[in-house]
């Protein structure tokens, strides 16, 4: 059961293929009292580094399925990311879910371009990221309240911004990250589209 105390905490959802600088990210987010939600290999890696991390499946009561194809695609996750914090109706509806409020979404995508040059067709298809772009686009749409992070190179900028704003990010930073994400996810889709054309 998710207690009221847990609901009121700050949470970062972290789901990354590239584990580079993950310890740096978690150590610094922890300094600002962020708790972690994750799934699969990312969650295991976070815990192996000594940080506490709640599994998505524990919160949603929905186990990962189909060899990890279904992990974060859940209405509770998207409700937490997409609801408008200053909208009274949204806030009232969200409170009925008894689910943690996700304020930061850190996701990097499966390396489709790199894999598509080396692997067999089925292995390439498994590198078509579905949940990652969806999470990033949801967080980016709601940039007025949620911070989306795609690139590991932006971890240091995130931490710097949190330091300058007493543990929160400012609107300009969130909007800038959202813009970058829509640019990068559109490029990602274009690469997949080109692969299908050439297949």
Foldseek 3Di string as FASTA:
>chain_A
DQDPVQQPFEEEEEEEPDCPCVVVLVVLLVVLRYAYEYADPVQVVCVVSPHDYHYPCVQQVHDQDDVNLDGQPDVLNLLLQAQAPPDVVSVVVNVVSSGHRYAEYEYEAQPLVVQLVPDDDVVSVVRLDDVRLVNLQSNLVNLCGHAYHYDPVCSVVVSVQCVVVSRHHDSVNRNVRSVVSVVVVVVVVVSVVVSVVVD
